[in-house]
Amino acid sequence: MHLRKILVALGLAVLFVGGHRAWGWGGVALVSGGIVMWLLLHFNRFMTVMRRASERPLGYVDSAVMLNAKLRPRVSLLHVMALTRALGELRSPQGQQPEVYRWTDPGGSWVEAEFADGQLMRWTLQRPQPEDAGATEAQGDAPAAS
């Protein structure tokens, strides 16, 4: 994670120096405008995801099975929130790493996801156990009272 931050800072410095060498201060302004546009695009995406998540119940997902199929290791919490369109229900103590969130669907299935430094490390899908089928059939076979 730290190497990534260093590489991003180094890349930005190279862009500024390259812009200045190619077009002078106009190049620096052009690079600055590009960086600001990139930041605005990411801010807009963040705000859209948060607005959609605020309109749904905490820890809700339409289908836990479909969410389980779409998850991949190392995706961000923001990406998972975009998939579920809801904030996850925090299951771990506040501020402790790793963070564990749960999303539950109307059928009672849930996905519990573990995030370390904002990136998905592992997840589990839990489905409710089916009721005893034999007991249900026995009740259905009982003769109707006349």
C-alpha atoms as a PDB file:
ATOM      1  CA  MET A   1       0.000   0.000   0.000  1.00  0.00           C
ATOM      2  CA  HIS A   2       2.825   2.417   0.824  1.00  0.00           C
ATOM      3  CA  LEU A   3       4.638   1.639  -2.428  1.00  0.00           C
ATOM      4  CA  ARG A   4       1.488   2.528  -4.352  1.00  0.00           C
ATOM      5  CA  LYS A   5       1.324   5.949  -2.683  1.00  0.00           C
ATOM      6  CA  ILE A   6       4.962   6.596  -3.514  1.00  0.00           C
ATOM      7  CA  LEU A   7       4.489   5.558  -7.144  1.00  0.00           C
ATOM      8  CA  VAL A   8       1.418   7.807  -7.534  1.00  0.00           C
ATOM      9  CA  ALA A   9       3.332  10.792  -6.101  1.00  0.00           C
ATOM     10  CA  LEU A  10       6.291  10.030  -8.363  1.00  0.00           C
ATOM     11  CA  GLY A  11       3.999   9.717 -11.402  1.00  0.00           C
ATOM     12  CA  LEU A  12       2.372  13.068 -10.671  1.00  0.00           C
ATOM     13  CA  ALA A  13       5.786  14.716 -10.298  1.00  0.00           C
ATOM     14  CA  VAL A  14       6.878  13.247 -13.647  1.00  0.00           C
ATOM     15  CA  LEU A  15       3.704  14.582 -15.290  1.00  0.00           C
ATOM     16  CA  PHE A  16       4.298  18.077 -13.895  1.00  0.00           C
ATOM     17  CA  VAL A  17       7.961  18.115 -14.934  1.00  0.00           C
ATOM     18  CA  GLY A  18       7.139  16.714 -18.375  1.00  0.00           C
ATOM     19  CA  GLY A  19       4.366  19.273 -18.860  1.00  0.00           C
ATOM     20  CA  HIS A  20       6.676  22.107 -17.844  1.00  0.00           C
ATOM     21  CA  ARG A  21       9.501  20.935 -20.118  1.00  0.00           C
ATOM     22  CA  ALA A  22       7.174  20.493 -23.107  1.00  0.00           C
ATOM     23  CA  TRP A  23       4.955  23.591 -22.863  1.00  0.00           C
ATOM     24  CA  GLY A  24       6.241  25.664 -19.957  1.00  0.00           C
ATOM     25  CA  TRP A  25       3.763  26.938 -17.389  1.00  0.00           C
ATOM     26  CA  GLY A  26       0.901  26.216 -19.791  1.00  0.00           C
ATOM     27  CA  GLY A  27       1.852  22.539 -19.592  1.00  0.00           C
ATOM     28  CA  VAL A  28       1.776  22.667 -15.792  1.00  0.00           C
ATOM     29  CA  ALA A  29      -1.678  24.244 -15.983  1.00  0.00           C
ATOM     30  CA  LEU A  30      -2.805  21.540 -18.429  1.00  0.00           C
ATOM     31  CA  VAL A  31      -1.550  18.733 -16.148  1.00  0.00           C
ATOM     32  CA  SER A  32      -3.182  20.428 -13.146  1.00  0.00           C
ATOM     33  CA  GLY A  33      -6.488  20.659 -15.010  1.00  0.00           C
ATOM     34  CA  GLY A  34      -6.297  16.973 -15.930  1.00  0.00           C
ATOM     35  CA  ILE A  35      -5.619  15.972 -12.324  1.00  0.00           C
ATOM     36  CA  VAL A  36      -8.481  18.125 -11.049  1.00  0.00           C
ATOM     37  CA  MET A  37     -10.827  16.568 -13.640  1.00  0.00           C
ATOM     38  CA  TRP A  38      -9.747  13.069 -12.567  1.00  0.00           C
ATOM     39  CA  LEU A  39     -10.364  13.950  -8.898  1.00  0.00           C
ATOM     40  CA  LEU A  40     -13.797  15.403  -9.726  1.00  0.00           C
ATOM     41  CA  LEU A  41     -14.787  12.235 -11.609  1.00  0.00           C
ATOM     42  CA  HIS A  42     -13.865  10.066  -8.618  1.00  0.00           C
ATOM     43  CA  PHE A  43     -15.620  12.423  -6.196  1.00  0.00           C
ATOM     44  CA  ASN A  44     -18.755  12.317  -8.377  1.00  0.00           C
ATOM     45  CA  ARG A  45     -18.689   8.486  -8.386  1.00  0.00           C
ATOM     46  CA  PHE A  46     -18.237   8.431  -4.607  1.00  0.00           C
ATOM     47  CA  MET A  47     -21.152  10.792  -4.054  1.00  0.00           C
ATOM     48  CA  THR A  48     -23.406   8.774  -6.406  1.00  0.00           C
ATOM     49  CA  VAL A  49     -22.647   5.525  -4.566  1.00  0.00           C
ATOM     50  CA  MET A  50     -23.248   7.158  -1.177  1.00  0.00           C
ATOM     51  CA  ARG A  51     -26.531   8.752  -2.326  1.00  0.00           C
ATOM     52  CA  ARG A  52     -27.830   5.396  -3.575  1.00  0.00           C
ATOM     53  CA  ALA A  53     -26.699   3.675  -0.387  1.00  0.00           C
ATOM     54  CA  SER A  54     -28.485   6.242   1.776  1.00  0.00           C
ATOM     55  CA  GLU A  55     -31.805   5.384   0.136  1.00  0.00           C
ATOM     56  CA  ARG A  56     -31.731   1.711   1.242  1.00  0.00           C
ATOM     57  CA  PRO A  57     -31.808  -0.014   4.625  1.00  0.00           C
ATOM     58  CA  LEU A  58     -28.523  -0.718   6.397  1.00  0.00           C
ATOM     59  CA  GLY A  59     -27.085  -4.117   5.471  1.00  0.00           C
ATOM     60  CA  TYR A  60     -29.682  -4.918   2.783  1.00  0.00           C
ATOM     61  CA  VAL A  61     -29.008  -6.589  -0.578  1.00  0.00           C
ATOM     62  CA  ASP A  62     -31.465  -7.852  -3.193  1.00  0.00           C
ATOM     63  CA  SER A  63     -29.738 -11.247  -3.526  1.00  0.00           C
ATOM     64  CA  ALA A  64     -26.903 -12.466  -1.332  1.00  0.00           C
ATOM     65  CA  VAL A  65     -26.171 -15.300  -3.776  1.00  0.00           C
ATOM     66  CA  MET A  66     -25.683 -12.861  -6.671  1.00  0.00           C
ATOM     67  CA  LEU A  67     -23.503 -10.624  -4.505  1.00  0.00           C
ATOM     68  CA  ASN A  68     -21.388 -13.649  -3.572  1.00  0.00           C
ATOM     69  CA  ALA A  69     -20.929 -14.455  -7.278  1.00  0.00           C
ATOM     70  CA  LYS A  70     -19.826 -10.897  -8.125  1.00  0.00           C
ATOM     71  CA  LEU A  71     -17.270 -10.417  -5.329  1.00  0.00           C
ATOM     72  CA  ARG A  72     -13.548 -10.619  -6.046  1.00  0.00           C
ATOM     73  CA  PRO A  73     -10.553 -10.355  -3.710  1.00  0.00           C
ATOM     74  CA  ARG A  74      -8.927  -6.939  -3.215  1.00  0.00           C
ATOM     75  CA  VAL A  75     -11.908  -4.848  -4.407  1.00  0.00           C
ATOM     76  CA  SER A  76     -12.633  -1.742  -2.368  1.00  0.00           C
ATOM     77  CA  LEU A  77     -15.443  -1.233   0.115  1.00  0.00           C
ATOM     78  CA  LEU A  78     -16.791   1.477  -2.192  1.00  0.00           C
ATOM     79  CA  HIS A  79     -17.008  -1.072  -5.036  1.00  0.00           C
ATOM     80  CA  VAL A  80     -18.948  -3.503  -2.825  1.00  0.00           C
ATOM     81  CA  MET A  81     -21.263  -0.692  -1.750  1.00  0.00           C
ATOM     82  CA  ALA A  82     -21.841   0.120  -5.427  1.00  0.00           C
ATOM     83  CA  LEU A  83     -22.776  -3.548  -6.055  1.00  0.00           C
ATOM     84  CA  THR A  84     -25.180  -3.750  -3.103  1.00  0.00           C
ATOM     85  CA  ARG A  85     -26.421  -0.149  -3.275  1.00  0.00           C
ATOM     86  CA  ALA A  86     -26.438  -0.195   0.534  1.00  0.00           C
ATOM     87  CA  LEU A  87     -24.118   0.360   3.451  1.00  0.00           C
ATOM     88  CA  GLY A  88     -23.093  -2.853   5.161  1.00  0.00           C
ATOM     89  CA  GLU A  89     -24.025  -3.678   8.735  1.00  0.00           C
ATOM     90  CA  LEU A  90     -20.800  -3.349  10.756  1.00  0.00           C
ATOM     91  CA  ARG A  91     -20.167  -6.599  12.697  1.00  0.00           C
ATOM     92  CA  SER A  92     -16.706  -5.860  14.117  1.00  0.00           C
ATOM     93  CA  PRO A  93     -15.887  -3.323  16.839  1.00  0.00           C
ATOM     94  CA  GLN A  94     -15.711   0.271  15.598  1.00  0.00           C
ATOM     95  CA  GLY A  95     -12.253   1.237  14.282  1.00  0.00           C
ATOM     96  CA  GLN A  96     -10.732  -2.251  14.575  1.00  0.00           C
ATOM     97  CA  GLN A  97      -9.016  -3.986  11.659  1.00  0.00           C
ATOM     98  CA  PRO A  98     -10.161  -6.080   9.877  1.00  0.00           C
ATOM     99  CA  GLU A  99     -13.612  -4.598   9.442  1.00  0.00           C
ATOM    100  CA  VAL A 100     -16.442  -7.114   8.993  1.00  0.00           C
ATOM    101  CA  TYR A 101     -19.675  -6.094   7.250  1.00  0.00           C
ATOM    102  CA  ARG A 102     -22.838  -8.095   6.573  1.00  0.00           C
ATOM    103  CA  TRP A 103     -25.441  -7.738   3.820  1.00  0.00           C
ATOM    104  CA  THR A 104     -28.689  -9.716   4.192  1.00  0.00           C
ATOM    105  CA  ASP A 105     -31.331 -10.460   1.551  1.00  0.00           C
ATOM    106  CA  PRO A 106     -35.114 -10.887   2.076  1.00  0.00           C
ATOM    107  CA  GLY A 107     -34.790 -14.704   2.066  1.00  0.00           C
ATOM    108  CA  GLY A 108     -32.543 -14.690   5.133  1.00  0.00           C
ATOM    109  CA  SER A 109     -29.273 -15.414   3.308  1.00  0.00           C
ATOM    110  CA  TRP A 110     -26.353 -13.148   4.039  1.00  0.00           C
ATOM    111  CA  VAL A 111     -22.850 -12.352   2.882  1.00  0.00           C
ATOM    112  CA  GLU A 112     -20.290 -11.452   5.518  1.00  0.00           C
ATOM    113  CA  ALA A 113     -17.255  -9.641   4.101  1.00  0.00           C
ATOM    114  CA  GLU A 114     -13.937  -8.930   5.778  1.00  0.00           C
ATOM    115  CA  PHE A 115     -12.046  -5.791   4.736  1.00  0.00           C
ATOM    116  CA  ALA A 116      -8.446  -4.938   5.642  1.00  0.00           C
ATOM    117  CA  ASP A 117      -7.447  -1.338   4.919  1.00  0.00           C
ATOM    118  CA  GLY A 118     -10.593  -0.881   2.832  1.00  0.00           C
ATOM    119  CA  GLN A 119      -9.960  -3.859   0.545  1.00  0.00           C
ATOM    120  CA  LEU A 120     -11.930  -7.111   0.510  1.00  0.00           C
ATOM    121  CA  MET A 121      -9.872  -9.998   1.870  1.00  0.00           C
ATOM    122  CA  ARG A 122     -12.442 -12.799   2.270  1.00  0.00           C
ATOM    123  CA  TRP A 123     -16.184 -13.320   2.357  1.00  0.00           C
ATOM    124  CA  THR A 124     -18.656 -16.046   3.228  1.00  0.00           C
ATOM    125  CA  LEU A 125     -22.179 -16.769   2.074  1.00  0.00           C
ATOM    126  CA  GLN A 126     -24.613 -18.177   4.650  1.00  0.00           C
ATOM    127  CA  ARG A 127     -27.967 -19.567   3.572  1.00  0.00           C
ATOM    128  CA  PRO A 128     -30.777 -20.542   5.955  1.00  0.00           C
ATOM    129  CA  GLN A 129     -31.230 -24.281   6.462  1.00  0.00           C
ATOM    130  CA  PRO A 130     -34.360 -25.590   4.716  1.00  0.00           C
ATOM    131  CA  GLU A 131     -37.186 -26.689   6.972  1.00  0.00           C
ATOM    132  CA  ASP A 132     -37.733 -30.429   7.405  1.00  0.00           C
ATOM    133  CA  ALA A 133     -39.463 -31.393   4.133  1.00  0.00           C
ATOM    134  CA  GLY A 134     -41.037 -34.523   5.630  1.00  0.00           C
ATOM    135  CA  ALA A 135     -42.899 -32.596   8.330  1.00  0.00           C
ATOM    136  CA  THR A 136     -44.267 -30.156   5.769  1.00  0.00           C
ATOM    137  CA  GLU A 137     -45.521 -32.962   3.517  1.00  0.00           C
ATOM    138  CA  ALA A 138     -47.147 -34.774   6.436  1.00  0.00           C
ATOM    139  CA  GLN A 139     -49.121 -31.663   7.323  1.00  0.00           C
ATOM    140  CA  GLY A 140     -50.179 -31.256   3.696  1.00  0.00           C
ATOM    141  CA  ASP A 141     -51.361 -34.907   3.426  1.00  0.00           C
ATOM    142  CA  ALA A 142     -53.721 -34.688   6.373  1.00  0.00           C
ATOM    143  CA  PRO A 143     -57.403 -35.266   5.316  1.00  0.00           C
ATOM    144  CA  ALA A 144     -59.554 -32.189   5.359  1.00  0.00           C
ATOM    145  CA  ALA A 145     -62.212 -32.103   8.055  1.00  0.00           C
ATOM    146  CA  SER A 146     -65.740 -32.183   6.685  1.00  0.00           C
END
